[in-house]
């Protein structure tokens, strides 16, 4: 089972990242070089739900980029849906937001009690 990792900024969480790819795609270009694309789900508190695609080739070259879900092809979307990763990321984000809300409620209560 895959786990998620929370990436923190200076004062707050910035994103929740899936540790394992939900889809691994191997392919060759027209010259015959082999590439591997690993697709991971990412929730950014600034940009929303994204998929990070990390590409490596047989020469060790690595490159990654993030795309919104509406830019994925049908096969990638099906693999994401079947993986259960959306539910896992959603649960983690809800937990973080719940804790932040509790902290905010506590802060407001403390400020009001000080009146």
C-alpha atoms as a PDB file:
ATOM      1  CA  UNK A   1       0.000   0.000   0.000  1.00  0.00           C
ATOM      2  CA  UNK A   2       1.276   3.416  -0.925  1.00  0.00           C
ATOM      3  CA  UNK A   3       1.834   6.158   1.605  1.00  0.00           C
ATOM      4  CA  UNK A   4       1.595   9.912   1.296  1.00  0.00           C
ATOM      5  CA  UNK A   5       4.059  12.530   2.450  1.00  0.00           C
ATOM      6  CA  UNK A   6       3.227  16.031   3.613  1.00  0.00           C
ATOM      7  CA  UNK A   7       5.682  18.674   2.389  1.00  0.00           C
ATOM      8  CA  UNK A   8       5.891  21.677   4.718  1.00  0.00           C
ATOM      9  CA  UNK A   9       6.843  25.233   3.899  1.00  0.00           C
ATOM     10  CA  UNK A  10       8.032  27.771   6.436  1.00  0.00           C
ATOM     11  CA  UNK A  11       4.861  27.830   8.537  1.00  0.00           C
ATOM     12  CA  UNK A  12       2.333  25.461   7.005  1.00  0.00           C
ATOM     13  CA  UNK A  13       1.877  22.440   4.765  1.00  0.00           C
ATOM     14  CA  UNK A  14       2.458  23.186   1.084  1.00  0.00           C
ATOM     15  CA  UNK A  15       1.501  19.893  -0.510  1.00  0.00           C
ATOM     16  CA  UNK A  16       0.610  16.258  -0.030  1.00  0.00           C
ATOM     17  CA  UNK A  17       2.489  13.861  -2.330  1.00  0.00           C
ATOM     18  CA  UNK A  18       1.917  10.210  -3.092  1.00  0.00           C
ATOM     19  CA  UNK A  19       5.145   8.302  -2.476  1.00  0.00           C
ATOM     20  CA  UNK A  20       4.531   5.597  -5.076  1.00  0.00           C
ATOM     21  CA  UNK A  21       3.500   6.015  -8.722  1.00  0.00           C
ATOM     22  CA  UNK A  22      -0.042   5.037  -9.652  1.00  0.00           C
ATOM     23  CA  UNK A  23       1.095   4.352 -13.219  1.00  0.00           C
ATOM     24  CA  UNK A  24       4.463   3.460 -14.785  1.00  0.00           C
ATOM     25  CA  UNK A  25       4.743   3.795 -18.524  1.00  0.00           C
ATOM     26  CA  UNK A  26       7.691   2.492 -20.569  1.00  0.00           C
ATOM     27  CA  UNK A  27       8.209   3.593 -24.155  1.00  0.00           C
ATOM     28  CA  UNK A  28      10.813   4.085 -26.880  1.00  0.00           C
ATOM     29  CA  UNK A  29      11.353   7.095 -29.098  1.00  0.00           C
ATOM     30  CA  UNK A  30      11.854   6.881 -32.860  1.00  0.00           C
ATOM     31  CA  UNK A  31      15.619   6.381 -32.397  1.00  0.00           C
ATOM     32  CA  UNK A  32      15.125   3.485 -29.969  1.00  0.00           C
ATOM     33  CA  UNK A  33      15.979   5.221 -26.678  1.00  0.00           C
ATOM     34  CA  UNK A  34      13.949   3.816 -23.778  1.00  0.00           C
ATOM     35  CA  UNK A  35      12.034   6.096 -21.394  1.00  0.00           C
ATOM     36  CA  UNK A  36      10.120   5.469 -18.187  1.00  0.00           C
ATOM     37  CA  UNK A  37       7.376   7.834 -17.000  1.00  0.00           C
ATOM     38  CA  UNK A  38       6.199   7.521 -13.394  1.00  0.00           C
ATOM     39  CA  UNK A  39       2.905   9.226 -12.539  1.00  0.00           C
ATOM     40  CA  UNK A  40       2.327  10.380  -8.937  1.00  0.00           C
ATOM     41  CA  UNK A  41      -0.637  12.233  -7.485  1.00  0.00           C
ATOM     42  CA  UNK A  42       0.079  15.562  -5.758  1.00  0.00           C
ATOM     43  CA  UNK A  43      -2.227  17.965  -3.940  1.00  0.00           C
ATOM     44  CA  UNK A  44      -0.835  21.489  -3.730  1.00  0.00           C
ATOM     45  CA  UNK A  45      -2.517  23.872  -1.296  1.00  0.00           C
ATOM     46  CA  UNK A  46      -1.809  26.643  -3.831  1.00  0.00           C
ATOM     47  CA  UNK A  47      -2.576  24.904  -7.147  1.00  0.00           C
ATOM     48  CA  UNK A  48      -4.943  22.043  -6.264  1.00  0.00           C
ATOM     49  CA  UNK A  49      -4.826  18.472  -7.507  1.00  0.00           C
ATOM     50  CA  UNK A  50      -2.009  17.666  -9.949  1.00  0.00           C
ATOM     51  CA  UNK A  51      -0.130  14.718 -11.370  1.00  0.00           C
ATOM     52  CA  UNK A  52       3.651  14.779 -11.300  1.00  0.00           C
ATOM     53  CA  UNK A  53       5.234  12.939 -14.199  1.00  0.00           C
ATOM     54  CA  UNK A  54       8.865  11.958 -13.584  1.00  0.00           C
ATOM     55  CA  UNK A  55      10.690  10.773 -16.692  1.00  0.00           C
ATOM     56  CA  UNK A  56      13.982   8.903 -16.766  1.00  0.00           C
ATOM     57  CA  UNK A  57      15.836   7.401 -19.682  1.00  0.00           C
ATOM     58  CA  UNK A  58      18.438   4.694 -20.117  1.00  0.00           C
ATOM     59  CA  UNK A  59      21.237   7.284 -19.832  1.00  0.00           C
ATOM     60  CA  UNK A  60      20.176   8.402 -16.357  1.00  0.00           C
ATOM     61  CA  UNK A  61      18.634  11.690 -17.473  1.00  0.00           C
ATOM     62  CA  UNK A  62      15.746  12.718 -15.183  1.00  0.00           C
ATOM     63  CA  UNK A  63      13.074  15.330 -15.752  1.00  0.00           C
ATOM     64  CA  UNK A  64       9.722  15.990 -14.074  1.00  0.00           C
ATOM     65  CA  UNK A  65       6.728  18.242 -14.569  1.00  0.00           C
ATOM     66  CA  UNK A  66       3.243  18.622 -13.129  1.00  0.00           C
ATOM     67  CA  UNK A  67      -0.021  18.613 -15.058  1.00  0.00           C
ATOM     68  CA  UNK A  68      -3.664  19.091 -14.046  1.00  0.00           C
ATOM     69  CA  UNK A  69      -5.905  16.036 -14.259  1.00  0.00           C
ATOM     70  CA  UNK A  70      -7.704  17.335 -17.340  1.00  0.00           C
ATOM     71  CA  UNK A  71      -4.455  17.049 -19.315  1.00  0.00           C
ATOM     72  CA  UNK A  72      -4.024  13.315 -18.690  1.00  0.00           C
ATOM     73  CA  UNK A  73      -4.895  10.769 -21.349  1.00  0.00           C
ATOM     74  CA  UNK A  74      -7.691   8.245 -20.844  1.00  0.00           C
ATOM     75  CA  UNK A  75      -5.373   5.381 -19.827  1.00  0.00           C
ATOM     76  CA  UNK A  76      -3.629   7.470 -17.148  1.00  0.00           C
ATOM     77  CA  UNK A  77      -6.966   8.654 -15.746  1.00  0.00           C
ATOM     78  CA  UNK A  78      -8.250   5.073 -15.605  1.00  0.00           C
ATOM     79  CA  UNK A  79      -5.102   3.927 -13.790  1.00  0.00           C
ATOM     80  CA  UNK A  80      -5.507   6.794 -11.314  1.00  0.00           C
ATOM     81  CA  UNK A  81      -9.148   5.948 -10.703  1.00  0.00           C
ATOM     82  CA  UNK A  82      -8.385   2.243 -10.214  1.00  0.00           C
ATOM     83  CA  UNK A  83      -5.440   2.917  -7.876  1.00  0.00           C
ATOM     84  CA  UNK A  84      -7.439   4.362  -4.965  1.00  0.00           C
ATOM     85  CA  UNK A  85      -4.883   7.176  -4.634  1.00  0.00           C
ATOM     86  CA  UNK A  86      -7.472   9.946  -4.945  1.00  0.00           C
ATOM     87  CA  UNK A  87      -9.202   8.705  -1.800  1.00  0.00           C
ATOM     88  CA  UNK A  88      -5.908   8.436   0.092  1.00  0.00           C
ATOM     89  CA  UNK A  89      -4.814  11.974  -0.829  1.00  0.00           C
ATOM     90  CA  UNK A  90      -8.298  13.303  -0.054  1.00  0.00           C
ATOM     91  CA  UNK A  91      -8.281  11.727   3.411  1.00  0.00           C
ATOM     92  CA  UNK A  92      -4.869  13.232   4.218  1.00  0.00           C
ATOM     93  CA  UNK A  93      -5.863  16.697   2.966  1.00  0.00           C
ATOM     94  CA  UNK A  94      -9.089  16.560   5.007  1.00  0.00           C
ATOM     95  CA  UNK A  95      -7.093  15.605   8.109  1.00  0.00           C
ATOM     96  CA  UNK A  96      -4.715  18.552   7.605  1.00  0.00           C
ATOM     97  CA  UNK A  97      -7.551  21.014   7.002  1.00  0.00           C
ATOM     98  CA  UNK A  98      -9.425  19.707  10.068  1.00  0.00           C
ATOM     99  CA  UNK A  99      -6.352  20.266  12.258  1.00  0.00           C
ATOM    100  CA  UNK A 100      -5.833  23.748  10.817  1.00  0.00           C
ATOM    101  CA  UNK A 101      -9.491  24.585  11.471  1.00  0.00           C
ATOM    102  CA  UNK A 102      -9.247  23.308  15.041  1.00  0.00           C
ATOM    103  CA  UNK A 103      -6.166  25.472  15.569  1.00  0.00           C
ATOM    104  CA  UNK A 104      -7.979  28.481  14.119  1.00  0.00           C
ATOM    105  CA  UNK A 105     -11.029  27.859  16.336  1.00  0.00           C
ATOM    106  CA  UNK A 106      -8.737  27.580  19.339  1.00  0.00           C
ATOM    107  CA  UNK A 107      -7.004  30.846  18.433  1.00  0.00           C
ATOM    108  CA  UNK A 108     -10.333  32.679  18.090  1.00  0.00           C
ATOM    109  CA  UNK A 109     -11.553  31.233  21.382  1.00  0.00           C
ATOM    110  CA  UNK A 110      -8.346  32.315  23.149  1.00  0.00           C
ATOM    111  CA  UNK A 111      -8.620  35.821  21.697  1.00  0.00           C
ATOM    112  CA  UNK A 112     -12.251  36.150  22.723  1.00  0.00           C
ATOM    113  CA  UNK A 113     -11.563  34.848  26.229  1.00  0.00           C
ATOM    114  CA  UNK A 114      -8.929  37.567  26.622  1.00  0.00           C
ATOM    115  CA  UNK A 115     -11.511  40.374  26.113  1.00  0.00           C
END
